[in-house]
């Protein structure tokens, strides 16, 4: 490959890295934190265990109990983002739109735990949707594509000296063999 091509690849690698530095840093840091979300209670509250794996409470009971938790600010179903039913643990996790999580025993309707859940916030930062839905497509997707190009050019630039050294060694061996024959 010509030195012009190698120079251009280095420029692409350098400018590509500068262009995506901040989005890539955000994706890397949030990705590292999300890797340990089950081990770090600050990110995602640990799942509690109810007394029975057979649910016996109704949706009305879940809403009624959820309304009693002041942190959640739940007054109706509109204030609930989702329900995560874990029959094997005997609980239902009620996630409020304000990111508070209430874990309720599905047999006794007792509140087992109330905690702030940060994993969804970190996930939205990780994929760019926290900034704006368009940021996913116009900032984070191109950043991912540029990272792929950086990986390819980086691998090429890493192996280039080894390939050049091997090529030079063959050329020297051929020259030596030609001078030995003469």
Protein backbone atom coordinates (compact mmCIF):
# COMPACT_ATOMS: atom_id res chain seq x y z
CA UNK A 1 0.00 0.00 0.00
CA UNK A 2 1.29 3.45 -0.84
CA UNK A 3 2.40 5.90 1.79
CA UNK A 4 -0.47 8.20 0.69
CA UNK A 5 -3.00 5.53 1.63
CA UNK A 6 -1.30 4.89 4.97
CA UNK A 7 -1.23 8.62 5.66
CA UNK A 8 -4.91 8.94 4.79
CA UNK A 9 -5.81 6.00 7.04
CA UNK A 10 -3.96 7.65 9.93
CA UNK A 11 -5.86 10.90 9.30
CA UNK A 12 -9.19 9.05 9.21
CA UNK A 13 -8.27 7.24 12.41
CA UNK A 14 -7.18 10.45 14.18
CA UNK A 15 -10.14 12.63 13.09
CA UNK A 16 -12.65 9.83 13.57
CA UNK A 17 -11.41 9.39 17.13
CA UNK A 18 -11.69 13.11 17.83
CA UNK A 19 -15.17 13.27 16.30
CA UNK A 20 -16.68 10.55 18.46
CA UNK A 21 -14.67 11.08 21.64
CA UNK A 22 -17.53 12.37 23.82
CA UNK A 23 -20.33 10.06 22.63
CA UNK A 24 -17.97 7.07 22.83
CA UNK A 25 -16.84 8.05 26.33
CA UNK A 26 -20.49 8.29 27.45
CA UNK A 27 -21.33 4.92 25.87
CA UNK A 28 -18.24 3.32 27.44
CA UNK A 29 -18.84 4.64 30.96
CA UNK A 30 -22.56 3.87 31.00
CA UNK A 31 -21.87 0.46 29.46
CA UNK A 32 -19.37 -0.36 32.20
CA UNK A 33 -21.86 0.66 34.89
CA UNK A 34 -24.66 -1.32 33.24
CA UNK A 35 -22.42 -4.41 33.16
CA UNK A 36 -22.51 -4.47 36.98
CA UNK A 37 -26.07 -3.23 37.52
CA UNK A 38 -27.12 -6.44 39.29
CA UNK A 39 -24.14 -6.22 41.65
CA UNK A 40 -24.49 -2.51 42.50
CA UNK A 41 -27.65 -1.67 44.42
CA UNK A 42 -27.24 2.04 43.62
CA UNK A 43 -27.91 1.26 39.94
CA UNK A 44 -30.65 -1.36 40.26
CA UNK A 45 -32.29 -2.37 43.52
CA UNK A 46 -31.89 -6.07 44.32
CA UNK A 47 -34.96 -8.25 43.88
CA UNK A 48 -36.61 -9.29 47.12
CA UNK A 49 -38.46 -12.58 47.63
CA UNK A 50 -42.11 -12.97 48.53
CA UNK A 51 -43.61 -15.73 50.62
CA UNK A 52 -45.31 -17.63 47.77
CA UNK A 53 -44.72 -18.21 44.08
CA UNK A 54 -48.48 -18.29 43.43
CA UNK A 55 -49.80 -14.73 42.96
CA UNK A 56 -53.04 -13.98 44.75
CA UNK A 57 -53.34 -10.19 44.59
CA UNK A 58 -55.20 -8.25 41.92
CA UNK A 59 -54.17 -5.29 39.79
CA UNK A 60 -56.39 -3.12 41.97
CA UNK A 61 -54.44 -4.29 45.03
CA UNK A 62 -51.17 -3.42 43.29
CA UNK A 63 -52.40 0.10 42.50
CA UNK A 64 -53.78 0.60 46.01
CA UNK A 65 -50.52 -0.48 47.66
CA UNK A 66 -48.46 1.60 45.22
CA UNK A 67 -50.45 4.72 46.14
CA UNK A 68 -49.33 4.33 49.76
CA UNK A 69 -45.65 4.88 48.88
CA UNK A 70 -45.03 8.64 49.00
CA UNK A 71 -41.76 8.58 46.98
CA UNK A 72 -43.48 7.09 43.96
CA UNK A 73 -46.07 9.88 43.56
CA UNK A 74 -48.50 7.29 42.19
CA UNK A 75 -52.14 8.40 42.14
CA UNK A 76 -53.38 6.42 39.10
CA UNK A 77 -52.23 3.92 36.48
CA UNK A 78 -50.91 6.88 34.44
CA UNK A 79 -48.16 7.29 37.04
CA UNK A 80 -46.93 3.72 36.53
CA UNK A 81 -44.39 3.07 33.79
CA UNK A 82 -44.50 -0.74 34.00
CA UNK A 83 -45.09 -3.79 36.11
CA UNK A 84 -42.43 -6.47 36.26
CA UNK A 85 -43.99 -9.67 37.58
CA UNK A 86 -41.55 -12.23 38.97
CA UNK A 87 -43.63 -15.31 39.82
CA UNK A 88 -40.56 -17.37 40.77
CA UNK A 89 -39.67 -14.75 43.41
CA UNK A 90 -43.26 -14.06 44.46
CA UNK A 91 -43.03 -10.33 43.74
CA UNK A 92 -44.20 -7.66 41.36
CA UNK A 93 -41.96 -4.66 40.72
CA UNK A 94 -43.94 -1.48 40.16
CA UNK A 95 -41.89 1.11 38.30
CA UNK A 96 -43.24 4.61 38.61
CA UNK A 97 -42.69 7.15 35.85
CA UNK A 98 -40.40 9.06 38.28
CA UNK A 99 -38.08 5.97 38.38
CA UNK A 100 -39.00 4.83 41.90
CA UNK A 101 -39.44 1.07 42.18
CA UNK A 102 -41.81 -0.62 44.63
CA UNK A 103 -41.46 -4.36 45.17
CA UNK A 104 -44.69 -5.92 46.40
CA UNK A 105 -45.25 -9.46 47.67
CA UNK A 106 -47.74 -11.05 45.24
CA UNK A 107 -49.37 -13.09 48.02
CA UNK A 108 -49.68 -10.67 50.96
CA UNK A 109 -49.55 -7.30 49.08
CA UNK A 110 -46.85 -6.20 51.54
CA UNK A 111 -44.33 -3.63 50.34
CA UNK A 112 -40.97 -5.42 50.47
CA UNK A 113 -38.76 -2.62 49.18
CA UNK A 114 -38.88 0.93 47.87
CA UNK A 115 -35.82 2.21 46.01
CA UNK A 116 -34.81 4.58 43.25
CA UNK A 117 -33.90 2.72 40.05
CA UNK A 118 -31.14 4.32 37.94
CA UNK A 119 -30.64 1.58 35.34
CA UNK A 120 -33.24 2.99 32.91
CA UNK A 121 -31.62 6.43 33.11
CA UNK A 122 -28.23 4.89 32.39
CA UNK A 123 -29.67 2.87 29.50
CA UNK A 124 -31.21 5.99 27.96
CA UNK A 125 -27.86 7.79 28.28
CA UNK A 126 -26.13 4.73 26.82
CA UNK A 127 -28.26 4.65 23.66
CA UNK A 128 -28.65 8.45 23.36
CA UNK A 129 -32.42 8.56 23.78
CA UNK A 130 -32.04 10.67 26.95
CA UNK A 131 -30.94 13.63 24.82
CA UNK A 132 -33.57 13.23 22.09
CA UNK A 133 -34.95 10.36 20.02
CA UNK A 134 -33.12 11.76 16.99
CA UNK A 135 -29.81 11.62 18.88
CA UNK A 136 -29.90 7.82 18.64
CA UNK A 137 -29.92 7.97 14.85
CA UNK A 138 -27.95 11.15 14.18
CA UNK A 139 -25.23 11.01 16.86
CA UNK A 140 -24.93 7.56 18.43
CA UNK A 141 -25.47 5.43 15.30
CA UNK A 142 -22.84 7.36 13.28
CA UNK A 143 -20.53 7.16 16.31
CA UNK A 144 -20.94 3.39 16.29
CA UNK A 145 -20.16 3.27 12.58
CA UNK A 146 -17.09 5.47 13.10
CA UNK A 147 -15.92 3.21 15.94
CA UNK A 148 -16.16 0.29 13.50
CA UNK A 149 -14.03 2.19 10.97
CA UNK A 150 -11.56 3.09 13.75
CA UNK A 151 -11.35 -0.58 14.70
CA UNK A 152 -10.64 -1.59 11.09
CA UNK A 153 -8.05 1.15 10.51
CA UNK A 154 -6.50 0.53 13.93
CA UNK A 155 -6.08 -3.20 13.25
CA UNK A 156 -4.61 -2.40 9.84
CA UNK A 157 -2.19 0.17 11.28
CA UNK A 158 -1.24 -2.27 14.05
CA UNK A 159 -0.35 -5.12 11.68
CA UNK A 160 1.16 -2.93 8.94
CA UNK A 161 4.71 -2.90 10.44
CA UNK A 162 4.70 -6.70 10.78
CA UNK A 163 3.55 -7.19 7.19
CA UNK A 164 6.11 -4.64 5.94
CA UNK A 165 8.88 -6.34 7.95
CA UNK A 166 7.97 -9.74 6.48
CA UNK A 167 7.87 -8.29 2.96
CA UNK A 168 11.27 -6.60 3.46
CA UNK A 169 12.73 -9.85 4.76
CA UNK A 170 11.58 -11.72 1.63
CA UNK A 171 12.94 -8.99 -0.62
CA UNK A 172 16.34 -9.16 1.15
CA UNK A 173 16.37 -12.96 0.88
CA UNK A 174 15.64 -12.77 -2.86
CA UNK A 175 18.42 -10.19 -3.37
CA UNK A 176 20.85 -12.31 -1.38
CA UNK A 177 19.92 -15.41 -3.38
CA UNK A 178 20.38 -13.45 -6.64
CA UNK A 179 23.84 -12.19 -5.58
CA UNK A 180 24.87 -15.68 -4.44
CA UNK A 181 24.02 -17.08 -7.91
CA UNK A 182 26.10 -14.48 -9.69
